PDB file of N, CA and C in Angstrom:
ATOM      1  N   MET A   1      19.724  75.579  55.460  1.00  0.00           N
ATOM      2  CA  MET A   1      18.942  74.997  56.225  1.00  0.00           C
ATOM      3  C   MET A   1      19.936  74.652  57.300  1.00  0.00           C
ATOM      4  N   LEU A   2      20.243  73.927  57.177  1.00  0.00           N
ATOM      5  CA  LEU A   2      21.259  72.529  58.115  1.00  0.00           C
ATOM      6  C   LEU A   2      22.240  73.769  59.244  1.00  0.00           C
ATOM      7  N   GLU A   3      22.708  74.602  58.391  1.00  0.00           N
ATOM      8  CA  GLU A   3      23.616  75.629  58.758  1.00  0.00           C
ATOM      9  C   GLU A   3      23.149  76.549  60.182  1.00  0.00           C
ATOM     10  N   THR A   4      21.913  76.583  59.436  1.00  0.00           N
ATOM     11  CA  THR A   4      20.802  77.729  60.725  1.00  0.00           C
ATOM     12  C   THR A   4      20.855  76.546  61.887  1.00  0.00           C
ATOM     13  N   ALA A   5      20.493  75.327  61.623  1.00  0.00           N
ATOM     14  CA  ALA A   5      20.149  74.172  62.954  1.00  0.00           C
ATOM     15  C   ALA A   5      21.318  74.327  63.663  1.00  0.00           C
ATOM     16  N   VAL A   6      22.500  73.795  63.028  1.00  0.00           N
ATOM     17  CA  VAL A   6      23.695  74.016  63.504  1.00  0.00           C
ATOM     18  C   VAL A   6      24.065  74.865  64.449  1.00  0.00           C
ATOM     19  N   SER A   7      23.971  76.310  63.786  1.00  0.00           N
ATOM     20  CA  SER A   7      23.819  77.324  64.523  1.00  0.00           C
ATOM     21  C   SER A   7      23.163  77.443  65.672  1.00  0.00           C
ATOM     22  N   ALA A   8      22.205  77.270  65.779  1.00  0.00           N
ATOM     23  CA  ALA A   8      21.102  77.609  66.751  1.00  0.00           C
ATOM     24  C   ALA A   8      21.356  76.240  68.015  1.00  0.00           C
ATOM     25  N   PHE A   9      21.931  74.994  67.324  1.00  0.00           N
ATOM     26  CA  PHE A   9      22.043  73.687  68.297  1.00  0.00           C
ATOM     27  C   PHE A   9      23.481  74.675  69.053  1.00  0.00           C
ATOM     28  N   VAL A  10      24.195  75.013  68.398  1.00  0.00           N
ATOM     29  CA  VAL A  10      25.577  75.555  69.225  1.00  0.00           C
ATOM     30  C   VAL A  10      25.241  76.815  70.294  1.00  0.00           C
ATOM     31  N   LEU A  11      24.247  78.061  69.933  1.00  0.00           N
ATOM     32  CA  LEU A  11      24.092  78.736  70.569  1.00  0.00           C
ATOM     33  C   LEU A  11      23.260  78.230  71.592  1.00  0.00           C
ATOM     34  N   LEU A  12      22.018  77.287  71.686  1.00  0.00           N
ATOM     35  CA  LEU A  12      21.693  76.771  72.584  1.00  0.00           C
ATOM     36  C   LEU A  12      22.934  75.793  73.883  1.00  0.00           C
ATOM     37  N   PHE A  13      23.689  75.050  73.320  1.00  0.00           N
ATOM     38  CA  PHE A  13      24.790  74.283  73.714  1.00  0.00           C
ATOM     39  C   PHE A  13      25.612  75.470  74.779  1.00  0.00           C
ATOM     40  N   VAL A  14      26.121  76.675  74.046  1.00  0.00           N
ATOM     41  CA  VAL A  14      26.656  77.293  75.098  1.00  0.00           C
ATOM     42  C   VAL A  14      25.998  77.962  76.087  1.00  0.00           C
ATOM     43  N   THR A  15      24.663  78.672  75.670  1.00  0.00           N
ATOM     44  CA  THR A  15      24.173  79.240  76.097  1.00  0.00           C
ATOM     45  C   THR A  15      23.576  78.283  77.965  1.00  0.00           C
ATOM     46  N   ILE A  16      23.044  77.469  77.587  1.00  0.00           N
ATOM     47  CA  ILE A  16      22.575  76.399  78.591  1.00  0.00           C
ATOM     48  C   ILE A  16      23.560  75.706  79.471  1.00  0.00           C
ATOM     49  N   GLY A  17      24.321  75.259  78.786  1.00  0.00           N
ATOM     50  CA  GLY A  17      25.343  74.337  79.183  1.00  0.00           C
ATOM     51  C   GLY A  17      24.864  72.476  78.663  1.00  0.00           C
ATOM     52  N   PRO A  18      26.309  71.731  78.839  1.00  0.00           N
ATOM     53  CA  PRO A  18      26.173  70.511  77.881  1.00  0.00           C
ATOM     54  C   PRO A  18      24.961  69.840  79.053  1.00  0.00           C
ATOM     55  N   ILE A  19      24.966  69.791  80.206  1.00  0.00           N
ATOM     56  CA  ILE A  19      24.246  68.746  81.381  1.00  0.00           C
ATOM     57  C   ILE A  19      22.502  69.242  80.335  1.00  0.00           C
ATOM     58  N   GLU A  20      22.430  70.361  80.803  1.00  0.00           N
ATOM     59  CA  GLU A  20      21.012  71.043  80.436  1.00  0.00           C
ATOM     60  C   GLU A  20      20.526  70.583  78.771  1.00  0.00           C
ATOM     61  N   THR A  21      21.207  70.765  77.755  1.00  0.00           N
ATOM     62  CA  THR A  21      21.296  70.269  76.669  1.00  0.00           C
ATOM     63  C   THR A  21      20.830  69.155  76.492  1.00  0.00           C
ATOM     64  N   ALA A  22      21.825  68.237  77.107  1.00  0.00           N
ATOM     65  CA  ALA A  22      22.085  66.415  77.139  1.00  0.00           C
ATOM     66  C   ALA A  22      20.612  66.306  77.499  1.00  0.00           C
ATOM     67  N   ALA A  23      20.118  66.827  78.747  1.00  0.00           N
ATOM     68  CA  ALA A  23      18.417  66.279  79.712  1.00  0.00           C
ATOM     69  C   ALA A  23      17.334  66.960  78.028  1.00  0.00           C
ATOM     70  N   MET A  24      17.315  68.402  77.481  1.00  0.00           N
ATOM     71  CA  MET A  24      16.911  68.754  76.231  1.00  0.00           C
ATOM     72  C   MET A  24      16.522  67.704  75.495  1.00  0.00           C
ATOM     73  N   PHE A  25      17.458  67.185  74.634  1.00  0.00           N
ATOM     74  CA  PHE A  25      17.796  66.201  73.754  1.00  0.00           C
ATOM     75  C   PHE A  25      16.867  65.120  74.251  1.00  0.00           C
ATOM     76  N   GLY A  26      16.984  64.800  75.610  1.00  0.00           N
ATOM     77  CA  GLY A  26      16.445  63.594  75.836  1.00  0.00           C
ATOM     78  C   GLY A  26      14.863  63.419  75.844  1.00  0.00           C
ATOM     79  N   VAL A  27      14.664  64.804  76.519  1.00  0.00           N
ATOM     80  CA  VAL A  27      12.702  64.690  76.547  1.00  0.00           C
ATOM     81  C   VAL A  27      12.697  64.992  74.854  1.00  0.00           C
ATOM     82  N   LEU A  28      13.535  65.899  74.010  1.00  0.00           N
ATOM     83  CA  LEU A  28      12.914  65.966  72.808  1.00  0.00           C
ATOM     84  C   LEU A  28      12.658  64.667  71.835  1.00  0.00           C
ATOM     85  N   THR A  29      14.109  63.531  72.290  1.00  0.00           N
ATOM     86  CA  THR A  29      13.632  62.642  71.510  1.00  0.00           C
ATOM     87  C   THR A  29      13.150  61.246  72.114  1.00  0.00           C
ATOM     88  N   ALA A  30      12.345  61.398  73.235  1.00  0.00           N
ATOM     89  CA  ALA A  30      11.531  60.449  74.346  1.00  0.00           C
ATOM     90  C   ALA A  30      11.090  59.204  73.609  1.00  0.00           C
ATOM     91  N   GLY A  31      10.327  59.866  72.344  1.00  0.00           N
ATOM     92  CA  GLY A  31       9.737  58.760  71.487  1.00  0.00           C
ATOM     93  C   GLY A  31      10.216  57.770  70.437  1.00  0.00           C
ATOM     94  N   ILE A  32      11.210  58.172  70.146  1.00  0.00           N
ATOM     95  CA  ILE A  32      12.593  57.703  69.249  1.00  0.00           C
ATOM     96  C   ILE A  32      13.001  56.674  69.337  1.00  0.00           C
ATOM     97  N   HIS A  33      13.345  55.479  68.831  1.00  0.00           N
ATOM     98  CA  HIS A  33      14.014  54.628  68.901  1.00  0.00           C
ATOM     99  C   HIS A  33      15.471  54.762  69.255  1.00  0.00           C
ATOM    100  N   ARG A  34      16.260  54.070  70.042  1.00  0.00           N
ATOM    101  CA  ARG A  34      17.368  54.253  70.073  1.00  0.00           C
ATOM    102  C   ARG A  34      18.419  54.563  68.857  1.00  0.00           C
ATOM    103  N   PRO A  35      18.516  53.403  67.829  1.00  0.00           N
ATOM    104  CA  PRO A  35      19.581  53.699  66.586  1.00  0.00           C
ATOM    105  C   PRO A  35      19.033  55.221  65.854  1.00  0.00           C
ATOM    106  N   GLU A  36      17.840  55.469  65.693  1.00  0.00           N
ATOM    107  CA  GLU A  36      17.233  56.774  65.706  1.00  0.00           C
ATOM    108  C   GLU A  36      17.950  57.712  66.557  1.00  0.00           C
ATOM    109  N   ARG A  37      17.733  58.196  67.164  1.00  0.00           N
ATOM    110  CA  ARG A  37      18.189  58.424  68.272  1.00  0.00           C
ATOM    111  C   ARG A  37      19.742  58.668  68.355  1.00  0.00           C
ATOM    112  N   ARG A  38      20.562  58.213  68.012  1.00  0.00           N
ATOM    113  CA  ARG A  38      22.331  57.952  68.074  1.00  0.00           C
ATOM    114  C   ARG A  38      22.507  58.934  66.280  1.00  0.00           C
ATOM    115  N   ARG A  39      21.191  58.295  65.592  1.00  0.00           N
ATOM    116  CA  ARG A  39      21.611  59.261  64.428  1.00  0.00           C
ATOM    117  C   ARG A  39      21.516  60.756  64.176  1.00  0.00           C
ATOM    118  N   LEU A  40      20.734  60.759  64.921  1.00  0.00           N
ATOM    119  CA  LEU A  40      20.131  62.534  65.411  1.00  0.00           C
ATOM    120  C   LEU A  40      21.171  62.870  66.069  1.00  0.00           C
ATOM    121  N   ALA A  41      21.968  62.418  67.037  1.00  0.00           N
ATOM    122  CA  ALA A  41      22.686  63.086  67.976  1.00  0.00           C
ATOM    123  C   ALA A  41      24.188  63.316  67.199  1.00  0.00           C
TER     124      ALA A  41
END
């Protein structure tokens, strides 16, 4: 499961670029506290 998630994230990162990926991560983790968000990143 983790391998699939990492693979999907890398594919997304390469496809849409680092700026868009960072923006998407920010939107998806908007309701999460900063320490938890750092752990997820």
